[in-house]
């Protein structure tokens, strides 16, 4: 066996790529949580869990859906610079733990943040290479229908969320991609396609190129 053959990297090494940060946001009721839960970890996804001061909805679990905390503890995390971003949304605080995101990107994972619009723009300022995907229902009436059908909020809160949506939607031009969430599997497939295309950018596949060149010709 030649030295070149001995040094030839494994197929997994050739497939190794730099991690990336994908932010999925959009109006409340756009289906962000449902779509994100359908993303297959086999495709390299690592889902980040936000910390929030809002009360858990029925069926939500601490540490799985969110890290539920008090306002006092939330502000402590913020002052310790332990949050990548933070925002107030309809009277509740939300934030993204910094450590987990950085660790997963270092491992080459596609870290997915499901956060509100203004928080997404905060992260984009700190991570210019982040990919922003705006998820939106096909129409405003459909958005209102989804909020009402959730059955988790009163009429006043629903009205506040619709008003907030009208403020957020014009910010779509600051995103890299827009995905209409009409049929959930179709929206998931579109996000998979976006991520696959982004991972083929040379800047993200530098490690694979280096392994290929370093393997020699084997002649």
C-alpha atoms as a PDB file:
ATOM      1  CA  UNK A   1       0.000   0.000   0.000  1.00  0.00           C
ATOM      2  CA  UNK A   2       1.406   3.389  -1.019  1.00  0.00           C
ATOM      3  CA  UNK A   3       1.817   6.290   1.485  1.00  0.00           C
ATOM      4  CA  UNK A   4      -0.899   8.164  -0.400  1.00  0.00           C
ATOM      5  CA  UNK A   5      -3.303   5.279   0.055  1.00  0.00           C
ATOM      6  CA  UNK A   6      -2.499   5.058   3.778  1.00  0.00           C
ATOM      7  CA  UNK A   7      -3.287   8.767   4.199  1.00  0.00           C
ATOM      8  CA  UNK A   8      -6.556   8.630   2.284  1.00  0.00           C
ATOM      9  CA  UNK A   9      -9.303   9.972   4.586  1.00  0.00           C
ATOM     10  CA  UNK A  10     -12.465   8.102   5.399  1.00  0.00           C
ATOM     11  CA  UNK A  11     -15.631   8.951   3.533  1.00  0.00           C
ATOM     12  CA  UNK A  12     -16.997  10.604   6.690  1.00  0.00           C
ATOM     13  CA  UNK A  13     -13.966  12.934   6.751  1.00  0.00           C
ATOM     14  CA  UNK A  14     -14.645  14.029   3.183  1.00  0.00           C
ATOM     15  CA  UNK A  15     -18.224  14.799   4.146  1.00  0.00           C
ATOM     16  CA  UNK A  16     -17.160  16.870   7.157  1.00  0.00           C
ATOM     17  CA  UNK A  17     -18.348  20.459   6.917  1.00  0.00           C
ATOM     18  CA  UNK A  18     -18.259  23.546   9.047  1.00  0.00           C
ATOM     19  CA  UNK A  19     -21.229  23.972  11.379  1.00  0.00           C
ATOM     20  CA  UNK A  20     -23.817  26.617  10.687  1.00  0.00           C
ATOM     21  CA  UNK A  21     -26.545  28.530  12.435  1.00  0.00           C
ATOM     22  CA  UNK A  22     -30.083  28.522  11.014  1.00  0.00           C
ATOM     23  CA  UNK A  23     -32.701  30.810  12.528  1.00  0.00           C
ATOM     24  CA  UNK A  24     -36.382  30.078  11.911  1.00  0.00           C
ATOM     25  CA  UNK A  25     -38.816  32.773  12.965  1.00  0.00           C
ATOM     26  CA  UNK A  26     -42.085  34.343  11.996  1.00  0.00           C
ATOM     27  CA  UNK A  27     -45.404  35.409  13.516  1.00  0.00           C
ATOM     28  CA  UNK A  28     -46.869  33.515  16.442  1.00  0.00           C
ATOM     29  CA  UNK A  29     -49.146  30.889  14.903  1.00  0.00           C
ATOM     30  CA  UNK A  30     -47.021  30.428  11.783  1.00  0.00           C
ATOM     31  CA  UNK A  31     -46.224  26.863  12.891  1.00  0.00           C
ATOM     32  CA  UNK A  32     -42.564  27.347  13.796  1.00  0.00           C
ATOM     33  CA  UNK A  33     -42.589  24.846  16.638  1.00  0.00           C
ATOM     34  CA  UNK A  34     -44.397  22.173  14.642  1.00  0.00           C
ATOM     35  CA  UNK A  35     -42.079  22.523  11.640  1.00  0.00           C
ATOM     36  CA  UNK A  36     -38.889  22.563  13.714  1.00  0.00           C
ATOM     37  CA  UNK A  37     -39.914  19.371  15.510  1.00  0.00           C
ATOM     38  CA  UNK A  38     -40.193  17.656  12.102  1.00  0.00           C
ATOM     39  CA  UNK A  39     -36.564  18.396  11.162  1.00  0.00           C
ATOM     40  CA  UNK A  40     -34.700  15.080  11.107  1.00  0.00           C
ATOM     41  CA  UNK A  41     -31.545  14.928  13.309  1.00  0.00           C
ATOM     42  CA  UNK A  42     -30.070  12.534  10.729  1.00  0.00           C
ATOM     43  CA  UNK A  43     -29.555  15.604   8.530  1.00  0.00           C
ATOM     44  CA  UNK A  44     -27.222  17.105  11.112  1.00  0.00           C
ATOM     45  CA  UNK A  45     -29.701  19.286  12.957  1.00  0.00           C
ATOM     46  CA  UNK A  46     -29.206  20.265  16.583  1.00  0.00           C
ATOM     47  CA  UNK A  47     -32.198  22.111  18.006  1.00  0.00           C
ATOM     48  CA  UNK A  48     -31.521  24.865  20.484  1.00  0.00           C
ATOM     49  CA  UNK A  49     -33.885  25.261  23.440  1.00  0.00           C
ATOM     50  CA  UNK A  50     -34.861  28.777  24.451  1.00  0.00           C
ATOM     51  CA  UNK A  51     -35.278  29.999  27.996  1.00  0.00           C
ATOM     52  CA  UNK A  52     -38.496  31.884  28.756  1.00  0.00           C
ATOM     53  CA  UNK A  53     -40.426  33.435  31.618  1.00  0.00           C
ATOM     54  CA  UNK A  54     -43.833  32.543  30.165  1.00  0.00           C
ATOM     55  CA  UNK A  55     -45.908  29.806  31.747  1.00  0.00           C
ATOM     56  CA  UNK A  56     -45.833  26.333  30.136  1.00  0.00           C
ATOM     57  CA  UNK A  57     -48.716  25.471  27.850  1.00  0.00           C
ATOM     58  CA  UNK A  58     -50.490  22.162  28.255  1.00  0.00           C
ATOM     59  CA  UNK A  59     -48.183  19.322  27.242  1.00  0.00           C
ATOM     60  CA  UNK A  60     -44.977  21.397  27.289  1.00  0.00           C
ATOM     61  CA  UNK A  61     -42.059  20.110  29.339  1.00  0.00           C
ATOM     62  CA  UNK A  62     -39.217  22.010  30.943  1.00  0.00           C
ATOM     63  CA  UNK A  63     -35.935  21.180  29.209  1.00  0.00           C
ATOM     64  CA  UNK A  64     -37.672  19.757  26.144  1.00  0.00           C
ATOM     65  CA  UNK A  65     -39.792  22.598  24.757  1.00  0.00           C
ATOM     66  CA  UNK A  66     -38.298  25.487  26.743  1.00  0.00           C
ATOM     67  CA  UNK A  67     -36.323  26.171  29.869  1.00  0.00           C
ATOM     68  CA  UNK A  68     -39.007  27.818  31.989  1.00  0.00           C
ATOM     69  CA  UNK A  69     -37.627  30.272  34.531  1.00  0.00           C
ATOM     70  CA  UNK A  70     -38.484  33.274  36.678  1.00  0.00           C
ATOM     71  CA  UNK A  71     -37.875  36.880  35.638  1.00  0.00           C
ATOM     72  CA  UNK A  72     -35.240  37.180  38.363  1.00  0.00           C
ATOM     73  CA  UNK A  73     -33.250  34.202  37.078  1.00  0.00           C
ATOM     74  CA  UNK A  74     -33.692  35.340  33.469  1.00  0.00           C
ATOM     75  CA  UNK A  75     -32.167  38.741  34.227  1.00  0.00           C
ATOM     76  CA  UNK A  76     -29.308  37.007  36.023  1.00  0.00           C
ATOM     77  CA  UNK A  77     -28.512  35.016  32.863  1.00  0.00           C
ATOM     78  CA  UNK A  78     -28.655  38.196  30.802  1.00  0.00           C
ATOM     79  CA  UNK A  79     -26.284  40.084  33.096  1.00  0.00           C
ATOM     80  CA  UNK A  80     -23.842  37.160  33.007  1.00  0.00           C
ATOM     81  CA  UNK A  81     -23.806  37.367  29.179  1.00  0.00           C
ATOM     82  CA  UNK A  82     -25.030  33.762  29.077  1.00  0.00           C
ATOM     83  CA  UNK A  83     -27.684  34.548  26.444  1.00  0.00           C
ATOM     84  CA  UNK A  84     -26.949  34.900  22.761  1.00  0.00           C
ATOM     85  CA  UNK A  85     -30.043  37.071  22.380  1.00  0.00           C
ATOM     86  CA  UNK A  86     -33.023  38.086  24.428  1.00  0.00           C
ATOM     87  CA  UNK A  87     -36.299  39.828  23.812  1.00  0.00           C
ATOM     88  CA  UNK A  88     -39.690  40.624  25.303  1.00  0.00           C
ATOM     89  CA  UNK A  89     -42.632  39.148  23.416  1.00  0.00           C
ATOM     90  CA  UNK A  90     -46.221  39.831  24.478  1.00  0.00           C
ATOM     91  CA  UNK A  91     -45.155  40.484  28.062  1.00  0.00           C
ATOM     92  CA  UNK A  92     -42.767  37.522  28.448  1.00  0.00           C
ATOM     93  CA  UNK A  93     -38.976  37.264  28.210  1.00  0.00           C
ATOM     94  CA  UNK A  94     -37.266  34.870  25.795  1.00  0.00           C
ATOM     95  CA  UNK A  95     -33.574  34.150  25.270  1.00  0.00           C
ATOM     96  CA  UNK A  96     -31.109  31.748  23.646  1.00  0.00           C
ATOM     97  CA  UNK A  97     -28.412  30.103  25.814  1.00  0.00           C
ATOM     98  CA  UNK A  98     -25.043  30.956  24.254  1.00  0.00           C
ATOM     99  CA  UNK A  99     -22.939  27.957  25.327  1.00  0.00           C
ATOM    100  CA  UNK A 100     -24.989  25.217  23.669  1.00  0.00           C
ATOM    101  CA  UNK A 101     -25.134  27.022  20.316  1.00  0.00           C
ATOM    102  CA  UNK A 102     -21.381  27.596  20.170  1.00  0.00           C
ATOM    103  CA  UNK A 103     -20.572  24.007  21.167  1.00  0.00           C
ATOM    104  CA  UNK A 104     -22.811  22.487  18.501  1.00  0.00           C
ATOM    105  CA  UNK A 105     -21.494  24.714  15.706  1.00  0.00           C
ATOM    106  CA  UNK A 106     -17.970  23.679  16.681  1.00  0.00           C
ATOM    107  CA  UNK A 107     -19.041  20.041  16.229  1.00  0.00           C
ATOM    108  CA  UNK A 108     -20.236  20.769  12.693  1.00  0.00           C
ATOM    109  CA  UNK A 109     -23.942  20.680  13.510  1.00  0.00           C
ATOM    110  CA  UNK A 110     -26.707  22.693  11.853  1.00  0.00           C
ATOM    111  CA  UNK A 111     -27.940  24.545  14.926  1.00  0.00           C
ATOM    112  CA  UNK A 112     -31.571  25.582  14.558  1.00  0.00           C
ATOM    113  CA  UNK A 113     -32.914  28.487  16.594  1.00  0.00           C
ATOM    114  CA  UNK A 114     -36.666  28.933  16.715  1.00  0.00           C
ATOM    115  CA  UNK A 115     -36.948  32.508  17.967  1.00  0.00           C
ATOM    116  CA  UNK A 116     -39.002  35.642  17.410  1.00  0.00           C
ATOM    117  CA  UNK A 117     -38.123  38.165  14.711  1.00  0.00           C
ATOM    118  CA  UNK A 118     -36.318  40.824  16.727  1.00  0.00           C
ATOM    119  CA  UNK A 119     -34.264  38.205  18.525  1.00  0.00           C
ATOM    120  CA  UNK A 120     -33.295  36.729  15.151  1.00  0.00           C
ATOM    121  CA  UNK A 121     -32.002  40.092  13.964  1.00  0.00           C
ATOM    122  CA  UNK A 122     -29.946  40.422  17.163  1.00  0.00           C
ATOM    123  CA  UNK A 123     -28.272  37.096  16.470  1.00  0.00           C
ATOM    124  CA  UNK A 124     -27.644  38.046  12.830  1.00  0.00           C
ATOM    125  CA  UNK A 125     -25.684  41.068  14.025  1.00  0.00           C
ATOM    126  CA  UNK A 126     -23.434  38.802  16.126  1.00  0.00           C
ATOM    127  CA  UNK A 127     -23.279  35.930  13.593  1.00  0.00           C
ATOM    128  CA  UNK A 128     -23.372  37.469  10.083  1.00  0.00           C
ATOM    129  CA  UNK A 129     -23.061  33.996   8.552  1.00  0.00           C
ATOM    130  CA  UNK A 130     -26.324  32.841  10.161  1.00  0.00           C
ATOM    131  CA  UNK A 131     -29.083  31.846   7.735  1.00  0.00           C
ATOM    132  CA  UNK A 132     -32.437  33.475   8.460  1.00  0.00           C
ATOM    133  CA  UNK A 133     -35.637  31.722   7.353  1.00  0.00           C
ATOM    134  CA  UNK A 134     -38.973  33.530   7.749  1.00  0.00           C
ATOM    135  CA  UNK A 135     -41.904  31.142   8.175  1.00  0.00           C
ATOM    136  CA  UNK A 136     -45.338  32.490   7.360  1.00  0.00           C
ATOM    137  CA  UNK A 137     -48.858  31.099   6.947  1.00  0.00           C
ATOM    138  CA  UNK A 138     -50.548  31.559   3.556  1.00  0.00           C
ATOM    139  CA  UNK A 139     -52.775  34.430   4.758  1.00  0.00           C
ATOM    140  CA  UNK A 140     -53.641  36.647   7.726  1.00  0.00           C
ATOM    141  CA  UNK A 141     -57.086  35.024   8.175  1.00  0.00           C
ATOM    142  CA  UNK A 142     -55.366  31.635   8.335  1.00  0.00           C
ATOM    143  CA  UNK A 143     -52.996  32.992  10.978  1.00  0.00           C
ATOM    144  CA  UNK A 144     -55.956  34.208  13.060  1.00  0.00           C
ATOM    145  CA  UNK A 145     -57.680  30.822  12.656  1.00  0.00           C
ATOM    146  CA  UNK A 146     -54.599  28.951  13.868  1.00  0.00           C
ATOM    147  CA  UNK A 147     -54.217  31.169  16.922  1.00  0.00           C
ATOM    148  CA  UNK A 148     -57.862  30.685  17.868  1.00  0.00           C
ATOM    149  CA  UNK A 149     -57.755  26.920  17.277  1.00  0.00           C
ATOM    150  CA  UNK A 150     -54.793  26.494  19.616  1.00  0.00           C
ATOM    151  CA  UNK A 151     -57.157  27.197  22.476  1.00  0.00           C
ATOM    152  CA  UNK A 152     -54.300  28.277  24.745  1.00  0.00           C
ATOM    153  CA  UNK A 153     -54.892  32.038  24.872  1.00  0.00           C
ATOM    154  CA  UNK A 154     -57.744  34.450  25.446  1.00  0.00           C
ATOM    155  CA  UNK A 155     -59.111  36.918  22.877  1.00  0.00           C
ATOM    156  CA  UNK A 156     -56.984  39.806  24.186  1.00  0.00           C
ATOM    157  CA  UNK A 157     -53.751  37.818  23.809  1.00  0.00           C
ATOM    158  CA  UNK A 158     -54.738  36.623  20.326  1.00  0.00           C
ATOM    159  CA  UNK A 159     -55.399  40.210  19.259  1.00  0.00           C
ATOM    160  CA  UNK A 160     -51.992  41.235  20.635  1.00  0.00           C
ATOM    161  CA  UNK A 161     -50.304  38.441  18.659  1.00  0.00           C
ATOM    162  CA  UNK A 162     -52.054  39.456  15.420  1.00  0.00           C
ATOM    163  CA  UNK A 163     -51.004  43.068  15.958  1.00  0.00           C
ATOM    164  CA  UNK A 164     -47.436  41.898  16.558  1.00  0.00           C
ATOM    165  CA  UNK A 165     -47.548  39.829  13.358  1.00  0.00           C
ATOM    166  CA  UNK A 166     -48.386  42.947  11.329  1.00  0.00           C
ATOM    167  CA  UNK A 167     -45.256  44.580  12.779  1.00  0.00           C
ATOM    168  CA  UNK A 168     -43.048  41.569  12.055  1.00  0.00           C
ATOM    169  CA  UNK A 169     -44.061  40.645   8.510  1.00  0.00           C
ATOM    170  CA  UNK A 170     -42.542  43.787   6.871  1.00  0.00           C
ATOM    171  CA  UNK A 171     -39.146  42.711   8.297  1.00  0.00           C
ATOM    172  CA  UNK A 172     -39.085  39.689   5.975  1.00  0.00           C
ATOM    173  CA  UNK A 173     -36.790  41.585   3.600  1.00  0.00           C
ATOM    174  CA  UNK A 174     -34.006  41.250   6.185  1.00  0.00           C
ATOM    175  CA  UNK A 175     -34.202  37.456   5.933  1.00  0.00           C
ATOM    176  CA  UNK A 176     -32.405  35.171   3.513  1.00  0.00           C
ATOM    177  CA  UNK A 177     -35.430  32.993   2.727  1.00  0.00           C
ATOM    178  CA  UNK A 178     -39.217  33.024   2.981  1.00  0.00           C
ATOM    179  CA  UNK A 179     -41.081  29.725   3.446  1.00  0.00           C
ATOM    180  CA  UNK A 180     -44.885  29.635   3.316  1.00  0.00           C
ATOM    181  CA  UNK A 181     -46.155  27.072   5.811  1.00  0.00           C
ATOM    182  CA  UNK A 182     -49.361  25.821   4.230  1.00  0.00           C
ATOM    183  CA  UNK A 183     -48.639  22.076   4.319  1.00  0.00           C
ATOM    184  CA  UNK A 184     -46.194  21.105   7.060  1.00  0.00           C
ATOM    185  CA  UNK A 185     -44.233  18.355   5.193  1.00  0.00           C
ATOM    186  CA  UNK A 186     -43.748  20.746   2.255  1.00  0.00           C
ATOM    187  CA  UNK A 187     -42.402  23.474   4.553  1.00  0.00           C
ATOM    188  CA  UNK A 188     -40.009  20.981   6.165  1.00  0.00           C
ATOM    189  CA  UNK A 189     -38.799  19.824   2.735  1.00  0.00           C
ATOM    190  CA  UNK A 190     -38.121  23.427   1.705  1.00  0.00           C
ATOM    191  CA  UNK A 191     -36.061  24.048   4.845  1.00  0.00           C
ATOM    192  CA  UNK A 192     -34.100  20.830   4.210  1.00  0.00           C
ATOM    193  CA  UNK A 193     -33.389  22.035   0.665  1.00  0.00           C
ATOM    194  CA  UNK A 194     -32.226  25.451   1.906  1.00  0.00           C
ATOM    195  CA  UNK A 195     -29.867  23.868   4.443  1.00  0.00           C
ATOM    196  CA  UNK A 196     -28.507  21.390   1.879  1.00  0.00           C
ATOM    197  CA  UNK A 197     -27.751  24.223  -0.546  1.00  0.00           C
ATOM    198  CA  UNK A 198     -26.127  26.369   2.142  1.00  0.00           C
ATOM    199  CA  UNK A 199     -23.910  23.496   3.283  1.00  0.00           C
ATOM    200  CA  UNK A 200     -22.525  23.201  -0.245  1.00  0.00           C
ATOM    201  CA  UNK A 201     -21.119  26.724  -0.150  1.00  0.00           C
ATOM    202  CA  UNK A 202     -17.291  26.509  -0.325  1.00  0.00           C
ATOM    203  CA  UNK A 203     -16.890  28.478   2.906  1.00  0.00           C
ATOM    204  CA  UNK A 204     -18.783  25.753   4.777  1.00  0.00           C
ATOM    205  CA  UNK A 205     -17.073  22.779   3.111  1.00  0.00           C
ATOM    206  CA  UNK A 206     -13.471  23.945   3.534  1.00  0.00           C
ATOM    207  CA  UNK A 207     -12.628  20.936   5.709  1.00  0.00           C
ATOM    208  CA  UNK A 208     -13.866  18.514   3.054  1.00  0.00           C
ATOM    209  CA  UNK A 209     -11.818  20.275   0.356  1.00  0.00           C
ATOM    210  CA  UNK A 210      -8.731  20.186   2.564  1.00  0.00           C
ATOM    211  CA  UNK A 211      -9.155  16.457   3.193  1.00  0.00           C
ATOM    212  CA  UNK A 212      -9.595  15.829  -0.541  1.00  0.00           C
ATOM    213  CA  UNK A 213      -6.456  17.736  -1.497  1.00  0.00           C
ATOM    214  CA  UNK A 214      -4.489  16.209   1.364  1.00  0.00           C
ATOM    215  CA  UNK A 215      -5.380  12.684   0.257  1.00  0.00           C
ATOM    216  CA  UNK A 216      -3.048  12.880  -2.720  1.00  0.00           C
ATOM    217  CA  UNK A 217      -3.634  11.399  -6.159  1.00  0.00           C
ATOM    218  CA  UNK A 218      -2.897   7.799  -5.140  1.00  0.00           C
ATOM    219  CA  UNK A 219      -1.134   7.342  -8.485  1.00  0.00           C
END
